[in-house]
């Protein structure tokens, strides 16, 4: 699956598909997940919005580690 855009919707879609066992390619013009949330979280009083971005990023990283066949092999 190819998902274009790593904003809130794209990163959540990638997370759900990865949990269901799909191979996902997530592409965005930015280097960091979050899309507009990255900008919103910098505004006064809205820093907690970064939690939503950080949660999805953490979950995707866990799924990547779990689905990586090299990480489950013992050395």
C-alpha atoms as a PDB file:
ATOM      1  CA  UNK A   1       0.000   0.000   0.000  1.00  0.00           C
ATOM      2  CA  UNK A   2       1.190   3.498  -0.800  1.00  0.00           C
ATOM      3  CA  UNK A   3      -0.056   6.306   1.425  1.00  0.00           C
ATOM      4  CA  UNK A   4       0.758   9.838   0.314  1.00  0.00           C
ATOM      5  CA  UNK A   5       0.771  12.292   3.186  1.00  0.00           C
ATOM      6  CA  UNK A   6       1.930  11.575   6.727  1.00  0.00           C
ATOM      7  CA  UNK A   7      -0.456  13.937   8.451  1.00  0.00           C
ATOM      8  CA  UNK A   8      -2.957  12.734  11.054  1.00  0.00           C
ATOM      9  CA  UNK A   9      -5.110  10.790   8.572  1.00  0.00           C
ATOM     10  CA  UNK A  10      -2.231   9.284   6.586  1.00  0.00           C
ATOM     11  CA  UNK A  11      -0.226   8.195   9.607  1.00  0.00           C
ATOM     12  CA  UNK A  12      -3.303   6.685  11.289  1.00  0.00           C
ATOM     13  CA  UNK A  13      -4.180   4.847   8.083  1.00  0.00           C
ATOM     14  CA  UNK A  14      -0.610   3.497   7.900  1.00  0.00           C
ATOM     15  CA  UNK A  15      -0.743   2.397  11.534  1.00  0.00           C
ATOM     16  CA  UNK A  16      -4.027   0.517  11.115  1.00  0.00           C
ATOM     17  CA  UNK A  17      -2.934  -1.171   7.875  1.00  0.00           C
ATOM     18  CA  UNK A  18       0.377  -2.217   9.432  1.00  0.00           C
ATOM     19  CA  UNK A  19      -1.490  -3.724  12.397  1.00  0.00           C
ATOM     20  CA  UNK A  20      -3.521  -5.756   9.898  1.00  0.00           C
ATOM     21  CA  UNK A  21      -0.353  -7.087   8.280  1.00  0.00           C
ATOM     22  CA  UNK A  22      -0.117  -4.941   5.161  1.00  0.00           C
ATOM     23  CA  UNK A  23       3.182  -3.662   3.795  1.00  0.00           C
ATOM     24  CA  UNK A  24       2.885   0.112   3.864  1.00  0.00           C
ATOM     25  CA  UNK A  25       4.917   2.813   2.142  1.00  0.00           C
ATOM     26  CA  UNK A  26       4.229   6.192   3.758  1.00  0.00           C
ATOM     27  CA  UNK A  27       5.451   9.232   1.800  1.00  0.00           C
ATOM     28  CA  UNK A  28       5.355  12.907   2.675  1.00  0.00           C
ATOM     29  CA  UNK A  29       7.129  16.051   1.530  1.00  0.00           C
ATOM     30  CA  UNK A  30       8.326  16.641   5.094  1.00  0.00           C
ATOM     31  CA  UNK A  31      10.852  14.585   7.022  1.00  0.00           C
ATOM     32  CA  UNK A  32       8.639  14.236  10.103  1.00  0.00           C
ATOM     33  CA  UNK A  33       5.226  12.643  10.604  1.00  0.00           C
ATOM     34  CA  UNK A  34       2.398  14.919  11.616  1.00  0.00           C
ATOM     35  CA  UNK A  35       1.596  17.223   8.714  1.00  0.00           C
ATOM     36  CA  UNK A  36      -0.214  20.362   9.900  1.00  0.00           C
ATOM     37  CA  UNK A  37      -0.080  19.132  13.518  1.00  0.00           C
ATOM     38  CA  UNK A  38       3.627  20.002  13.523  1.00  0.00           C
ATOM     39  CA  UNK A  39       2.723  23.647  12.865  1.00  0.00           C
ATOM     40  CA  UNK A  40      -0.291  23.716  15.188  1.00  0.00           C
ATOM     41  CA  UNK A  41       1.726  22.310  18.111  1.00  0.00           C
ATOM     42  CA  UNK A  42       4.063  25.324  17.941  1.00  0.00           C
ATOM     43  CA  UNK A  43       1.241  27.824  18.558  1.00  0.00           C
ATOM     44  CA  UNK A  44       0.763  29.217  22.064  1.00  0.00           C
ATOM     45  CA  UNK A  45      -1.429  26.966  24.192  1.00  0.00           C
ATOM     46  CA  UNK A  46      -1.625  24.173  21.600  1.00  0.00           C
ATOM     47  CA  UNK A  47       1.559  22.265  22.383  1.00  0.00           C
ATOM     48  CA  UNK A  48      -0.415  19.257  23.606  1.00  0.00           C
ATOM     49  CA  UNK A  49      -1.499  18.600  20.013  1.00  0.00           C
ATOM     50  CA  UNK A  50       1.990  17.170  19.532  1.00  0.00           C
ATOM     51  CA  UNK A  51       0.822  14.174  21.586  1.00  0.00           C
ATOM     52  CA  UNK A  52      -1.286  12.932  18.670  1.00  0.00           C
ATOM     53  CA  UNK A  53       1.699  13.062  16.317  1.00  0.00           C
ATOM     54  CA  UNK A  54       4.042  11.470  18.840  1.00  0.00           C
ATOM     55  CA  UNK A  55       1.593   8.666  19.638  1.00  0.00           C
ATOM     56  CA  UNK A  56       1.244   7.635  15.997  1.00  0.00           C
ATOM     57  CA  UNK A  57       4.967   7.870  15.396  1.00  0.00           C
ATOM     58  CA  UNK A  58       5.682   5.654  18.417  1.00  0.00           C
ATOM     59  CA  UNK A  59       3.096   3.080  17.355  1.00  0.00           C
ATOM     60  CA  UNK A  60       4.421   2.958  13.784  1.00  0.00           C
ATOM     61  CA  UNK A  61       7.986   2.524  15.053  1.00  0.00           C
ATOM     62  CA  UNK A  62       6.861  -0.383  17.273  1.00  0.00           C
ATOM     63  CA  UNK A  63       5.112  -2.024  14.321  1.00  0.00           C
ATOM     64  CA  UNK A  64       8.198  -1.584  12.155  1.00  0.00           C
ATOM     65  CA  UNK A  65      10.336  -3.315  14.768  1.00  0.00           C
ATOM     66  CA  UNK A  66       7.795  -6.104  15.219  1.00  0.00           C
ATOM     67  CA  UNK A  67       7.447  -6.711  11.476  1.00  0.00           C
ATOM     68  CA  UNK A  68      11.182  -6.585  10.733  1.00  0.00           C
ATOM     69  CA  UNK A  69      12.354 -10.212  10.359  1.00  0.00           C
ATOM     70  CA  UNK A  70      15.935  -9.285  11.324  1.00  0.00           C
ATOM     71  CA  UNK A  71      14.897  -7.812  14.666  1.00  0.00           C
ATOM     72  CA  UNK A  72      13.143 -11.001  15.785  1.00  0.00           C
ATOM     73  CA  UNK A  73      16.171 -13.213  15.129  1.00  0.00           C
ATOM     74  CA  UNK A  74      18.506 -13.985  17.999  1.00  0.00           C
ATOM     75  CA  UNK A  75      22.198 -13.396  17.308  1.00  0.00           C
END
